[in-house]
Each structure stands twice: as C-alpha cells, then as structure tokens.
Amino acid sequence: MKVAILDDWFDTLRSLPCFAKLSGHDVTVWTDHVEDEDELVHRLADIEALVLIRERTRITGSLLDRLPNLRLISQRSVFPHVDVQACTRNGVLLCSNLHADTPSYAAAELTWALLLAVARQIPAQVASLQTGNWMMGVGHTLRGKTLGIYGWGRIGATVAGYGRAFGMDVQVWAREESRMRAAREGWAVADSKAAFFANCDVISLHMRLVPATRGIVGAADLAAMKPSAILVNTSRAGLIEPGALVAALRAGRPGMAAVDVFETEPLVDTTDPLLSMPNVVATPHIGYVTVEEFDLQFADVFDQINAFAAGAPINVINP
C-alpha cells in the first residue's frame, strides 16, 4: 500500500524497531506540519493509508472529500481531530487502538516531572546557575501536601500513585461514576468541586477533551485555589476556559502552573504569556513523546495497516 505518515517532526519513526512492520509498503514520511488543505491534498493525492501522530493534524470532511484514493486512517487513542462521519461517507476506514487497559506512562511521568520542576523552580534555578548567580530562590516540598486529581482515568490513577509514593495526601474529583470507582479503589474523594479547588495544594487535570469537558475549569474554580497552589495540565488546554489560566496566574490564584498543552498547537508564538510568566513551567506537548512510548504506539498503528492490507482490519471505529 501507499502509506503516508504526517507530522513526524524529528523523523523518529524510521528509527524505531516497529518501523520494520511497514517493510512491505511504499512509505512517505513528512517531517513538517502543514495546515493548508490544498497542500495536504497535493501530498496525499495518491495515498491509500494515512498514519496520524495523535492530534497533530485535523482530518476534516472537506479534506477527505478530496482524497478519493484514501482507504485507511491508522492511529492510536482518541480521535476528536478526525471527522468520522466524513470517513464513512468517503469509504475510509478509521482504525484506532484505544488501549483500554494501558495508561500512557510517559504522560504520567511528564506530569510528575513538571510538578517537581515548578515546585522546586528547577528551570529558573538552572538559568540562575548558568548566569553565575548561584541560587535564585526557595522552592516547596511536596510531601504532606494535598494532590488533587481531576478526572479519574488511567493516567490520573497512575499520577495519584506517584503522589502517594511521595507522601502526598491524594483527593479525587471527577464525574459521579468515576468518583465512585475511585472510592471503591480506596482513594479519598472530595466533598464537592468547590472544596476540591479550595483545599488542594496541587491540582492535576486528567480528562479527555469532549464537548462535556470543554471549559470545565472556569475562572471561579481557579480563583478559589490557594495562592501557594499549583495547577498542572498535561491533558488538553481546552479543559480550561479560554484565557482563564493566564488571568488567574496574574491574579495570584493559583500561584504557579505547569503546562504541556496549549490552545493553539504547535505553539510558535513566542509572545504567548504562558511562555514568559515566571510562575509557569511550559513544555511543547511532550507528554507522550518518548522513544519507548512511540514504539509501543506505532507497533499498534502499523499492525492496523498490515491487518487492513490482509483483508482483516482490526480496531475499527467505523465498521
């Protein structure tokens, strides 16, 4: 099959062991990011199978209508960036392993790395040392503090375990069914959303971005946080009301934030306030970006291509 891979910014996939699974196919790898539909049509005109790296490129109905040779989109995890109805209308199969039993440990580890970085002022301390100024301030200990996990899924539960290992008290807030599941698993559940935001020293967001969760964290929620509190978001920027986080940080509640996700991605605007605020540690959506995680994910993605080529597709979203 003629296969195209989009948005492999560092040409990483060719270096992975799992890439050998595509040895029987004609593969083109694009290492830049393109949003212009005409350019995407030009690049994908003859392609039969399209590989997506998570949500880096939106696959719209108008794009799909202009790709008559496309038969398969292969990816992993959720697919809010793909117009599934348009896929079906155009005879394009969407295959995506939703890996129900396996969290992204890479994302959970990055969440914890960001929390430690902001609590201990690691980027600023490094910069101070590099400029000959030795220390620049005093950070905070996590042990004995309250870690709030907003959303009780695979990654949230993993981060809660890290918090417990660091001696933190963990509280959970989520939709009712998830709160009940967390309680059955032995975790403390906050009395209310208001109490959750007011009492936690750290709040880490772990929810999928769907219509029901868009803007679920509002200005009033952030204003209720302690001036010493930290907000961590490695899930999706859209979970927070647009502009609310910057305004809240400027107002001093919460006092700090660590973010790996942005309202516009890739973020190349160096004037974005989140990139210059001294109380923010920001990374460019690297939660899942490790060699090990990529090899795990794309082994599934490439298996889906081979299964389709063999006439027995797997992990089909729109059968």
C-alpha atoms as a PDB file:
ATOM      1  CA  MET A   1       0.000   0.000   0.000  1.00  0.00           C
ATOM      2  CA  LYS A   2       0.999   3.630  -0.460  1.00  0.00           C
ATOM      3  CA  VAL A   3       1.348   4.925   3.098  1.00  0.00           C
ATOM      4  CA  ALA A   4       1.921   8.481   4.316  1.00  0.00           C
ATOM      5  CA  ILE A   5       2.969   9.489   7.825  1.00  0.00           C
ATOM      6  CA  LEU A   6       2.241  13.079   8.825  1.00  0.00           C
ATOM      7  CA  ASP A   7       3.932  15.316  11.386  1.00  0.00           C
ATOM      8  CA  ASP A   8       6.906  13.123  12.305  1.00  0.00           C
ATOM      9  CA  TRP A   9       8.783  16.283  13.258  1.00  0.00           C
ATOM     10  CA  PHE A  10      12.111  14.653  14.156  1.00  0.00           C
ATOM     11  CA  ASP A  11      11.888  11.777  11.669  1.00  0.00           C
ATOM     12  CA  THR A  12      11.664   9.485  14.678  1.00  0.00           C
ATOM     13  CA  LEU A  13       9.515   6.627  13.401  1.00  0.00           C
ATOM     14  CA  ARG A  14      12.074   5.334  10.916  1.00  0.00           C
ATOM     15  CA  SER A  15      14.470   4.737  13.810  1.00  0.00           C
ATOM     16  CA  LEU A  16      12.047   2.596  15.815  1.00  0.00           C
ATOM     17  CA  PRO A  17      12.093  -1.213  15.819  1.00  0.00           C
ATOM     18  CA  CYS A  18       8.392  -1.271  14.913  1.00  0.00           C
ATOM     19  CA  PHE A  19       9.035   0.542  11.605  1.00  0.00           C
ATOM     20  CA  ALA A  20      10.090  -2.788  10.119  1.00  0.00           C
ATOM     21  CA  LYS A  21       6.402  -3.723  10.139  1.00  0.00           C
ATOM     22  CA  LEU A  22       5.964  -1.391   7.132  1.00  0.00           C
ATOM     23  CA  SER A  23       8.714  -3.027   5.066  1.00  0.00           C
ATOM     24  CA  GLY A  24       6.232  -4.325   2.503  1.00  0.00           C
ATOM     25  CA  HIS A  25       4.687  -0.908   1.823  1.00  0.00           C
ATOM     26  CA  ASP A  26       5.594   2.258  -0.084  1.00  0.00           C
ATOM     27  CA  VAL A  27       6.030   4.736   2.771  1.00  0.00           C
ATOM     28  CA  THR A  28       6.388   8.524   2.665  1.00  0.00           C
ATOM     29  CA  VAL A  29       7.233  10.369   5.879  1.00  0.00           C
ATOM     30  CA  TRP A  30       6.522  14.092   6.251  1.00  0.00           C
ATOM     31  CA  THR A  31       8.596  15.805   8.925  1.00  0.00           C
ATOM     32  CA  ASP A  32       6.944  19.229   8.844  1.00  0.00           C
ATOM     33  CA  HIS A  33       3.491  20.409   9.916  1.00  0.00           C
ATOM     34  CA  VAL A  34       1.045  21.626   7.273  1.00  0.00           C
ATOM     35  CA  GLU A  35      -2.444  23.009   7.854  1.00  0.00           C
ATOM     36  CA  ASP A  36      -3.210  24.278   4.347  1.00  0.00           C
ATOM     37  CA  GLU A  37      -5.781  21.928   2.840  1.00  0.00           C
ATOM     38  CA  ASP A  38      -4.595  22.356  -0.733  1.00  0.00           C
ATOM     39  CA  GLU A  39      -1.069  21.362   0.259  1.00  0.00           C
ATOM     40  CA  LEU A  40      -2.352  18.335   2.173  1.00  0.00           C
ATOM     41  CA  VAL A  41      -4.388  17.256  -0.871  1.00  0.00           C
ATOM     42  CA  HIS A  42      -1.265  17.591  -3.014  1.00  0.00           C
ATOM     43  CA  ARG A  43       0.790  15.479  -0.622  1.00  0.00           C
ATOM     44  CA  LEU A  44      -1.844  12.802  -0.079  1.00  0.00           C
ATOM     45  CA  ALA A  45      -3.427  12.568  -3.534  1.00  0.00           C
ATOM     46  CA  ASP A  46      -2.179   9.021  -4.238  1.00  0.00           C
ATOM     47  CA  ILE A  47      -2.061   7.763  -0.662  1.00  0.00           C
ATOM     48  CA  GLU A  48      -4.115   4.719   0.343  1.00  0.00           C
ATOM     49  CA  ALA A  49      -3.259   4.597   4.068  1.00  0.00           C
ATOM     50  CA  LEU A  50      -2.642   7.615   6.288  1.00  0.00           C
ATOM     51  CA  VAL A  51      -0.801   7.430   9.620  1.00  0.00           C
ATOM     52  CA  LEU A  52      -1.526  10.163  12.159  1.00  0.00           C
ATOM     53  CA  ILE A  53       0.591  11.086  15.144  1.00  0.00           C
ATOM     54  CA  ARG A  54      -2.113  11.707  17.699  1.00  0.00           C
ATOM     55  CA  GLU A  55      -3.932  15.005  17.076  1.00  0.00           C
ATOM     56  CA  ARG A  56      -1.251  16.976  15.273  1.00  0.00           C
ATOM     57  CA  THR A  57      -3.274  17.302  12.044  1.00  0.00           C
ATOM     58  CA  ARG A  58      -7.050  17.709  11.811  1.00  0.00           C
ATOM     59  CA  ILE A  59      -8.684  15.442   9.230  1.00  0.00           C
ATOM     60  CA  THR A  60     -11.749  17.359   8.110  1.00  0.00           C
ATOM     61  CA  GLY A  61     -14.639  16.385   5.896  1.00  0.00           C
ATOM     62  CA  SER A  62     -13.573  18.787   3.165  1.00  0.00           C
ATOM     63  CA  LEU A  63     -10.095  17.224   3.099  1.00  0.00           C
ATOM     64  CA  LEU A  64     -11.450  13.692   2.959  1.00  0.00           C
ATOM     65  CA  ASP A  65     -13.813  14.626   0.111  1.00  0.00           C
ATOM     66  CA  ARG A  66     -10.722  15.494  -1.959  1.00  0.00           C
ATOM     67  CA  LEU A  67      -8.788  12.255  -1.324  1.00  0.00           C
ATOM     68  CA  PRO A  68     -10.517   9.591  -3.478  1.00  0.00           C
ATOM     69  CA  ASN A  69      -7.645   7.089  -3.154  1.00  0.00           C
ATOM     70  CA  LEU A  70      -7.564   7.092   0.633  1.00  0.00           C
ATOM     71  CA  ARG A  71      -8.923   3.889   2.179  1.00  0.00           C
ATOM     72  CA  LEU A  72      -7.492   3.760   5.686  1.00  0.00           C
ATOM     73  CA  ILE A  73      -6.564   6.116   8.533  1.00  0.00           C
ATOM     74  CA  SER A  74      -4.481   4.337  11.156  1.00  0.00           C
ATOM     75  CA  GLN A  75      -3.711   5.906  14.530  1.00  0.00           C
ATOM     76  CA  ARG A  76      -3.868   5.212  18.268  1.00  0.00           C
ATOM     77  CA  SER A  77      -6.066   6.511  21.081  1.00  0.00           C
ATOM     78  CA  VAL A  78      -8.947   9.001  20.835  1.00  0.00           C
ATOM     79  CA  PHE A  79      -9.850  10.795  17.612  1.00  0.00           C
ATOM     80  CA  PRO A  80     -11.540  14.194  18.175  1.00  0.00           C
ATOM     81  CA  HIS A  81      -9.436  15.522  15.276  1.00  0.00           C
ATOM     82  CA  VAL A  82     -10.951  13.127  12.716  1.00  0.00           C
ATOM     83  CA  ASP A  83     -14.359  13.632  11.054  1.00  0.00           C
ATOM     84  CA  VAL A  84     -15.569  10.053  11.417  1.00  0.00           C
ATOM     85  CA  GLN A  85     -18.820  10.635   9.534  1.00  0.00           C
ATOM     86  CA  ALA A  86     -16.863  12.005   6.591  1.00  0.00           C
ATOM     87  CA  CYS A  87     -14.595   8.954   6.745  1.00  0.00           C
ATOM     88  CA  THR A  88     -17.618   6.699   6.445  1.00  0.00           C
ATOM     89  CA  ARG A  89     -19.137   8.820   3.671  1.00  0.00           C
ATOM     90  CA  ASN A  90     -15.937   8.513   1.670  1.00  0.00           C
ATOM     91  CA  GLY A  91     -15.364   4.825   2.305  1.00  0.00           C
ATOM     92  CA  VAL A  92     -12.367   5.436   4.562  1.00  0.00           C
ATOM     93  CA  LEU A  93     -11.865   3.062   7.468  1.00  0.00           C
ATOM     94  CA  LEU A  94     -10.634   4.614  10.718  1.00  0.00           C
ATOM     95  CA  CYS A  95      -8.673   2.162  12.852  1.00  0.00           C
ATOM     96  CA  SER A  96      -7.503   3.213  16.301  1.00  0.00           C
ATOM     97  CA  ASN A  97      -6.436   1.072  19.226  1.00  0.00           C
ATOM     98  CA  LEU A  98      -7.979   2.702  22.296  1.00  0.00           C
ATOM     99  CA  HIS A  99      -5.701   0.662  24.653  1.00  0.00           C
ATOM    100  CA  ALA A 100      -8.333   0.455  27.381  1.00  0.00           C
ATOM    101  CA  ASP A 101      -6.085  -1.241  29.942  1.00  0.00           C
ATOM    102  CA  THR A 102      -2.800   0.601  29.421  1.00  0.00           C
ATOM    103  CA  PRO A 103      -2.161   4.190  30.524  1.00  0.00           C
ATOM    104  CA  SER A 104       0.454   6.354  28.886  1.00  0.00           C
ATOM    105  CA  TYR A 105       3.162   6.028  31.495  1.00  0.00           C
ATOM    106  CA  ALA A 106       5.199   8.555  29.535  1.00  0.00           C
ATOM    107  CA  ALA A 107       2.466  11.169  30.028  1.00  0.00           C
ATOM    108  CA  ALA A 108       2.152  10.332  33.724  1.00  0.00           C
ATOM    109  CA  GLU A 109       5.918  10.645  34.186  1.00  0.00           C
ATOM    110  CA  LEU A 110       5.967  14.005  32.383  1.00  0.00           C
ATOM    111  CA  THR A 111       3.161  15.214  34.647  1.00  0.00           C
ATOM    112  CA  TRP A 112       5.259  14.399  37.671  1.00  0.00           C
ATOM    113  CA  ALA A 113       8.390  15.904  36.144  1.00  0.00           C
ATOM    114  CA  LEU A 114       6.548  19.173  35.526  1.00  0.00           C
ATOM    115  CA  LEU A 115       5.169  19.231  39.059  1.00  0.00           C
ATOM    116  CA  LEU A 116       8.627  18.759  40.540  1.00  0.00           C
ATOM    117  CA  ALA A 117      10.079  21.345  38.160  1.00  0.00           C
ATOM    118  CA  VAL A 118       7.620  24.054  39.134  1.00  0.00           C
ATOM    119  CA  ALA A 119       7.605  23.233  42.862  1.00  0.00           C
ATOM    120  CA  ARG A 120      11.403  23.352  43.066  1.00  0.00           C
ATOM    121  CA  GLN A 121      11.828  26.173  40.497  1.00  0.00           C
ATOM    122  CA  ILE A 122      14.173  23.934  38.518  1.00  0.00           C
ATOM    123  CA  PRO A 123      14.235  25.865  35.194  1.00  0.00           C
ATOM    124  CA  ALA A 124      14.850  29.178  36.971  1.00  0.00           C
ATOM    125  CA  GLN A 125      17.471  27.653  39.270  1.00  0.00           C
ATOM    126  CA  VAL A 126      19.310  26.170  36.274  1.00  0.00           C
ATOM    127  CA  ALA A 127      19.201  29.504  34.459  1.00  0.00           C
ATOM    128  CA  SER A 128      20.493  31.314  37.561  1.00  0.00           C
ATOM    129  CA  LEU A 129      23.400  28.895  37.913  1.00  0.00           C
ATOM    130  CA  GLN A 130      24.281  29.236  34.232  1.00  0.00           C
ATOM    131  CA  THR A 131      24.480  33.016  34.542  1.00  0.00           C
ATOM    132  CA  GLY A 132      26.762  32.902  37.578  1.00  0.00           C
ATOM    133  CA  ASN A 133      24.191  33.863  40.196  1.00  0.00           C
ATOM    134  CA  TRP A 134      24.071  30.564  42.144  1.00  0.00           C
ATOM    135  CA  MET A 135      20.609  30.162  43.778  1.00  0.00           C
ATOM    136  CA  MET A 136      17.649  32.354  42.845  1.00  0.00           C
ATOM    137  CA  GLY A 137      15.040  31.453  45.480  1.00  0.00           C
ATOM    138  CA  VAL A 138      13.457  28.801  47.685  1.00  0.00           C
ATOM    139  CA  GLY A 139      11.147  26.080  46.367  1.00  0.00           C
ATOM    140  CA  HIS A 140       8.496  23.906  48.004  1.00  0.00           C
ATOM    141  CA  THR A 141       8.342  20.359  49.366  1.00  0.00           C
ATOM    142  CA  LEU A 142       5.517  18.128  48.105  1.00  0.00           C
ATOM    143  CA  ARG A 143       5.424  15.662  50.988  1.00  0.00           C
ATOM    144  CA  GLY A 144       2.455  16.285  53.283  1.00  0.00           C
ATOM    145  CA  LYS A 145       0.659  18.446  50.721  1.00  0.00           C
ATOM    146  CA  THR A 146      -2.674  17.556  49.095  1.00  0.00           C
ATOM    147  CA  LEU A 147      -2.624  16.410  45.476  1.00  0.00           C
ATOM    148  CA  GLY A 148      -5.919  16.758  43.627  1.00  0.00           C
ATOM    149  CA  ILE A 149      -6.564  14.514  40.635  1.00  0.00           C
ATOM    150  CA  TYR A 150      -9.320  15.991  38.459  1.00  0.00           C
ATOM    151  CA  GLY A 151     -10.623  13.157  36.308  1.00  0.00           C
ATOM    152  CA  TRP A 152     -10.195   9.519  37.291  1.00  0.00           C
ATOM    153  CA  GLY A 153      -8.826   7.614  34.315  1.00  0.00           C
ATOM    154  CA  ARG A 154      -5.742   5.550  33.589  1.00  0.00           C
ATOM    155  CA  ILE A 155      -3.231   8.413  33.677  1.00  0.00           C
ATOM    156  CA  GLY A 156      -4.869  10.154  36.630  1.00  0.00           C
ATOM    157  CA  ALA A 157      -4.762   6.964  38.680  1.00  0.00           C
ATOM    158  CA  THR A 158      -1.082   6.490  37.813  1.00  0.00           C
ATOM    159  CA  VAL A 159      -0.223  10.055  38.853  1.00  0.00           C
ATOM    160  CA  ALA A 160      -2.165   9.510  42.091  1.00  0.00           C
ATOM    161  CA  GLY A 161       0.123   6.563  42.793  1.00  0.00           C
ATOM    162  CA  TYR A 162       3.170   8.772  42.282  1.00  0.00           C
ATOM    163  CA  GLY A 163       1.680  11.270  44.723  1.00  0.00           C
ATOM    164  CA  ARG A 164       1.154   8.600  47.337  1.00  0.00           C
ATOM    165  CA  ALA A 165       4.762   7.406  46.868  1.00  0.00           C
ATOM    166  CA  PHE A 166       5.939  10.994  47.523  1.00  0.00           C
ATOM    167  CA  GLY A 167       3.961  11.159  50.762  1.00  0.00           C
ATOM    168  CA  MET A 168       1.159  13.374  49.489  1.00  0.00           C
ATOM    169  CA  ASP A 169      -2.482  13.158  50.516  1.00  0.00           C
ATOM    170  CA  VAL A 170      -4.495  12.451  47.364  1.00  0.00           C
ATOM    171  CA  GLN A 171      -8.029  13.654  46.675  1.00  0.00           C
ATOM    172  CA  VAL A 172     -10.118  12.909  43.600  1.00  0.00           C
ATOM    173  CA  TRP A 173     -12.791  14.864  41.774  1.00  0.00           C
ATOM    174  CA  ALA A 174     -14.498  13.639  38.608  1.00  0.00           C
ATOM    175  CA  ARG A 175     -17.917  12.778  37.258  1.00  0.00           C
ATOM    176  CA  GLU A 176     -20.026  10.775  39.706  1.00  0.00           C
ATOM    177  CA  GLU A 177     -19.361   7.353  38.219  1.00  0.00           C
ATOM    178  CA  SER A 178     -15.605   7.954  38.255  1.00  0.00           C
ATOM    179  CA  ARG A 179     -15.709   9.266  41.828  1.00  0.00           C
ATOM    180  CA  MET A 180     -17.466   6.110  42.924  1.00  0.00           C
ATOM    181  CA  ARG A 181     -14.859   3.980  41.174  1.00  0.00           C
ATOM    182  CA  ALA A 182     -12.024   5.920  42.816  1.00  0.00           C
ATOM    183  CA  ALA A 183     -13.652   5.440  46.228  1.00  0.00           C
ATOM    184  CA  ARG A 184     -14.011   1.699  45.620  1.00  0.00           C
ATOM    185  CA  GLU A 185     -10.302   1.609  44.809  1.00  0.00           C
ATOM    186  CA  GLY A 186      -9.503   3.185  48.171  1.00  0.00           C
ATOM    187  CA  TRP A 187      -8.891   6.815  47.204  1.00  0.00           C
ATOM    188  CA  ALA A 188     -10.304   9.828  49.039  1.00  0.00           C
ATOM    189  CA  VAL A 189     -12.961  11.783  47.148  1.00  0.00           C
ATOM    190  CA  ALA A 190     -13.507  15.494  47.734  1.00  0.00           C
ATOM    191  CA  ASP A 191     -16.821  16.582  49.241  1.00  0.00           C
ATOM    192  CA  SER A 192     -17.526  18.924  46.322  1.00  0.00           C
ATOM    193  CA  LYS A 193     -15.868  20.565  43.338  1.00  0.00           C
ATOM    194  CA  ALA A 194     -15.637  23.821  45.291  1.00  0.00           C
ATOM    195  CA  ALA A 195     -13.931  22.094  48.225  1.00  0.00           C
ATOM    196  CA  PHE A 196     -11.588  20.310  45.834  1.00  0.00           C
ATOM    197  CA  PHE A 197     -10.299  23.549  44.286  1.00  0.00           C
ATOM    198  CA  ALA A 198     -10.136  25.358  47.620  1.00  0.00           C
ATOM    199  CA  ASN A 199      -8.302  22.674  49.596  1.00  0.00           C
ATOM    200  CA  CYS A 200      -5.800  21.089  47.202  1.00  0.00           C
ATOM    201  CA  ASP A 201      -2.200  22.276  47.092  1.00  0.00           C
ATOM    202  CA  VAL A 202      -1.738  20.773  43.643  1.00  0.00           C
ATOM    203  CA  ILE A 203      -4.426  20.049  41.043  1.00  0.00           C
ATOM    204  CA  SER A 204      -3.568  17.928  38.023  1.00  0.00           C
ATOM    205  CA  LEU A 205      -6.050  17.658  35.155  1.00  0.00           C
ATOM    206  CA  HIS A 206      -6.616  14.224  33.610  1.00  0.00           C
ATOM    207  CA  MET A 207      -9.668  14.256  31.363  1.00  0.00           C
ATOM    208  CA  ARG A 208     -10.401  13.765  27.713  1.00  0.00           C
ATOM    209  CA  LEU A 209     -11.478  16.869  25.834  1.00  0.00           C
ATOM    210  CA  VAL A 210     -15.063  16.271  24.714  1.00  0.00           C
ATOM    211  CA  PRO A 211     -17.981  18.720  24.500  1.00  0.00           C
ATOM    212  CA  ALA A 212     -18.967  17.970  28.102  1.00  0.00           C
ATOM    213  CA  THR A 213     -15.473  18.749  29.449  1.00  0.00           C
ATOM    214  CA  ARG A 214     -14.571  21.764  27.319  1.00  0.00           C
ATOM    215  CA  GLY A 215     -14.054  24.713  29.674  1.00  0.00           C
ATOM    216  CA  ILE A 216     -14.887  22.538  32.690  1.00  0.00           C
ATOM    217  CA  VAL A 217     -12.329  24.502  34.729  1.00  0.00           C
ATOM    218  CA  GLY A 218     -13.551  28.076  34.896  1.00  0.00           C
ATOM    219  CA  ALA A 219     -12.282  31.356  36.273  1.00  0.00           C
ATOM    220  CA  ALA A 220     -14.206  30.868  39.524  1.00  0.00           C
ATOM    221  CA  ASP A 221     -12.592  27.467  40.077  1.00  0.00           C
ATOM    222  CA  LEU A 222      -9.103  28.892  39.631  1.00  0.00           C
ATOM    223  CA  ALA A 223      -9.881  31.904  41.824  1.00  0.00           C
ATOM    224  CA  ALA A 224     -10.783  29.511  44.645  1.00  0.00           C
ATOM    225  CA  MET A 225      -7.313  27.943  44.665  1.00  0.00           C
ATOM    226  CA  LYS A 226      -4.681  28.854  47.252  1.00  0.00           C
ATOM    227  CA  PRO A 227      -2.085  31.498  46.368  1.00  0.00           C
ATOM    228  CA  SER A 228       0.518  28.796  47.022  1.00  0.00           C
ATOM    229  CA  ALA A 229      -1.222  26.167  44.864  1.00  0.00           C
ATOM    230  CA  ILE A 230      -0.006  24.653  41.608  1.00  0.00           C
ATOM    231  CA  LEU A 231      -2.136  23.733  38.588  1.00  0.00           C
ATOM    232  CA  VAL A 232      -0.747  21.063  36.237  1.00  0.00           C
ATOM    233  CA  ASN A 233      -2.251  20.412  32.809  1.00  0.00           C
ATOM    234  CA  THR A 234      -0.812  17.680  30.606  1.00  0.00           C
ATOM    235  CA  SER A 235      -4.203  16.695  29.176  1.00  0.00           C
ATOM    236  CA  ARG A 236      -5.747  19.352  26.923  1.00  0.00           C
ATOM    237  CA  ALA A 237      -5.745  23.146  27.057  1.00  0.00           C
ATOM    238  CA  GLY A 238      -9.450  23.240  26.172  1.00  0.00           C
ATOM    239  CA  LEU A 239     -10.357  21.821  29.580  1.00  0.00           C
ATOM    240  CA  ILE A 240      -9.733  25.323  30.935  1.00  0.00           C
ATOM    241  CA  GLU A 241     -11.930  28.260  29.953  1.00  0.00           C
ATOM    242  CA  PRO A 242     -10.072  30.297  27.289  1.00  0.00           C
ATOM    243  CA  GLY A 243      -7.845  32.932  28.856  1.00  0.00           C
ATOM    244  CA  ALA A 244      -8.781  31.924  32.389  1.00  0.00           C
ATOM    245  CA  LEU A 245      -5.442  30.408  33.370  1.00  0.00           C
ATOM    246  CA  VAL A 246      -3.354  33.425  32.374  1.00  0.00           C
ATOM    247  CA  ALA A 247      -5.754  35.781  34.154  1.00  0.00           C
ATOM    248  CA  ALA A 248      -5.756  33.597  37.273  1.00  0.00           C
ATOM    249  CA  LEU A 249      -1.960  33.386  37.407  1.00  0.00           C
ATOM    250  CA  ARG A 250      -1.715  37.153  37.062  1.00  0.00           C
ATOM    251  CA  ALA A 251      -4.206  37.488  39.931  1.00  0.00           C
ATOM    252  CA  GLY A 252      -2.151  35.110  42.083  1.00  0.00           C
ATOM    253  CA  ARG A 253      -4.568  32.181  42.386  1.00  0.00           C
ATOM    254  CA  PRO A 254      -3.149  29.665  41.749  1.00  0.00           C
ATOM    255  CA  GLY A 255       0.370  30.824  42.403  1.00  0.00           C
ATOM    256  CA  MET A 256       2.033  28.555  39.858  1.00  0.00           C
ATOM    257  CA  ALA A 257       1.275  26.360  36.878  1.00  0.00           C
ATOM    258  CA  ALA A 258       2.925  23.687  34.759  1.00  0.00           C
ATOM    259  CA  VAL A 259       1.503  23.089  31.297  1.00  0.00           C
ATOM    260  CA  ASP A 260       2.299  20.794  28.385  1.00  0.00           C
ATOM    261  CA  VAL A 261      -0.723  21.720  26.244  1.00  0.00           C
ATOM    262  CA  PHE A 262      -1.897  24.922  24.593  1.00  0.00           C
ATOM    263  CA  GLU A 263      -4.990  26.317  22.915  1.00  0.00           C
ATOM    264  CA  THR A 264      -3.038  26.561  19.635  1.00  0.00           C
ATOM    265  CA  GLU A 265      -0.592  23.795  18.708  1.00  0.00           C
ATOM    266  CA  PRO A 266       2.099  23.769  17.611  1.00  0.00           C
ATOM    267  CA  LEU A 267       2.678  26.969  19.574  1.00  0.00           C
ATOM    268  CA  VAL A 268       5.284  29.093  17.791  1.00  0.00           C
ATOM    269  CA  ASP A 269       4.160  32.495  19.063  1.00  0.00           C
ATOM    270  CA  THR A 270       6.893  33.495  21.493  1.00  0.00           C
ATOM    271  CA  THR A 271       4.692  36.307  22.838  1.00  0.00           C
ATOM    272  CA  ASP A 272       2.222  33.850  24.357  1.00  0.00           C
ATOM    273  CA  PRO A 273       2.116  34.863  28.036  1.00  0.00           C
ATOM    274  CA  LEU A 274       2.431  31.289  29.281  1.00  0.00           C
ATOM    275  CA  LEU A 275       5.921  31.201  27.784  1.00  0.00           C
ATOM    276  CA  SER A 276       7.178  34.252  29.651  1.00  0.00           C
ATOM    277  CA  MET A 277       5.459  34.148  33.037  1.00  0.00           C
ATOM    278  CA  PRO A 278       7.979  33.460  35.832  1.00  0.00           C
ATOM    279  CA  ASN A 279       5.479  31.293  37.731  1.00  0.00           C
ATOM    280  CA  VAL A 280       4.899  28.882  34.798  1.00  0.00           C
ATOM    281  CA  VAL A 281       6.875  25.914  33.545  1.00  0.00           C
ATOM    282  CA  ALA A 282       5.835  25.046  29.992  1.00  0.00           C
ATOM    283  CA  THR A 283       6.771  22.209  27.638  1.00  0.00           C
ATOM    284  CA  PRO A 284       5.697  21.637  23.983  1.00  0.00           C
ATOM    285  CA  HIS A 285       3.179  18.780  24.340  1.00  0.00           C
ATOM    286  CA  ILE A 286       5.798  16.125  25.002  1.00  0.00           C
ATOM    287  CA  GLY A 287       3.766  14.055  27.454  1.00  0.00           C
ATOM    288  CA  TYR A 288       3.659  11.015  25.179  1.00  0.00           C
ATOM    289  CA  VAL A 289       6.821  11.804  23.236  1.00  0.00           C
ATOM    290  CA  THR A 290       9.399   9.195  24.247  1.00  0.00           C
ATOM    291  CA  VAL A 291      11.124   6.551  22.147  1.00  0.00           C
ATOM    292  CA  GLU A 292       9.571   3.774  24.210  1.00  0.00           C
ATOM    293  CA  GLU A 293       6.047   5.193  24.015  1.00  0.00           C
ATOM    294  CA  PHE A 294       6.338   5.825  20.276  1.00  0.00           C
ATOM    295  CA  ASP A 295       7.485   2.262  19.639  1.00  0.00           C
ATOM    296  CA  LEU A 296       4.588   0.919  21.697  1.00  0.00           C
ATOM    297  CA  GLN A 297       2.025   3.128  19.981  1.00  0.00           C
ATOM    298  CA  PHE A 298       3.185   2.744  16.415  1.00  0.00           C
ATOM    299  CA  ALA A 299       3.553  -1.004  16.650  1.00  0.00           C
ATOM    300  CA  ASP A 300      -0.245  -0.929  17.031  1.00  0.00           C
ATOM    301  CA  VAL A 301      -0.661   1.629  14.246  1.00  0.00           C
ATOM    302  CA  PHE A 302       1.436  -0.374  11.783  1.00  0.00           C
ATOM    303  CA  ASP A 303      -0.283  -3.644  12.765  1.00  0.00           C
ATOM    304  CA  GLN A 304      -3.557  -1.989  11.794  1.00  0.00           C
ATOM    305  CA  ILE A 305      -2.175  -1.209   8.335  1.00  0.00           C
ATOM    306  CA  ASN A 306      -0.998  -4.779   7.811  1.00  0.00           C
ATOM    307  CA  ALA A 307      -4.306  -6.184   9.027  1.00  0.00           C
ATOM    308  CA  PHE A 308      -6.174  -3.950   6.587  1.00  0.00           C
ATOM    309  CA  ALA A 309      -3.862  -4.964   3.733  1.00  0.00           C
ATOM    310  CA  ALA A 310      -4.535  -8.617   4.587  1.00  0.00           C
ATOM    311  CA  GLY A 311      -8.289  -8.048   4.394  1.00  0.00           C
ATOM    312  CA  ALA A 312      -8.963  -8.435   8.115  1.00  0.00           C
ATOM    313  CA  PRO A 313      -8.930  -4.927   9.661  1.00  0.00           C
ATOM    314  CA  ILE A 314      -8.658  -4.536  13.424  1.00  0.00           C
ATOM    315  CA  ASN A 315      -9.590  -1.812  15.953  1.00  0.00           C
ATOM    316  CA  VAL A 316     -12.189  -0.452  13.529  1.00  0.00           C
ATOM    317  CA  ILE A 317     -14.024   2.680  14.684  1.00  0.00           C
ATOM    318  CA  ASN A 318     -16.498   2.935  11.782  1.00  0.00           C
ATOM    319  CA  PRO A 319     -17.196  -0.601  10.559  1.00  0.00           C
END
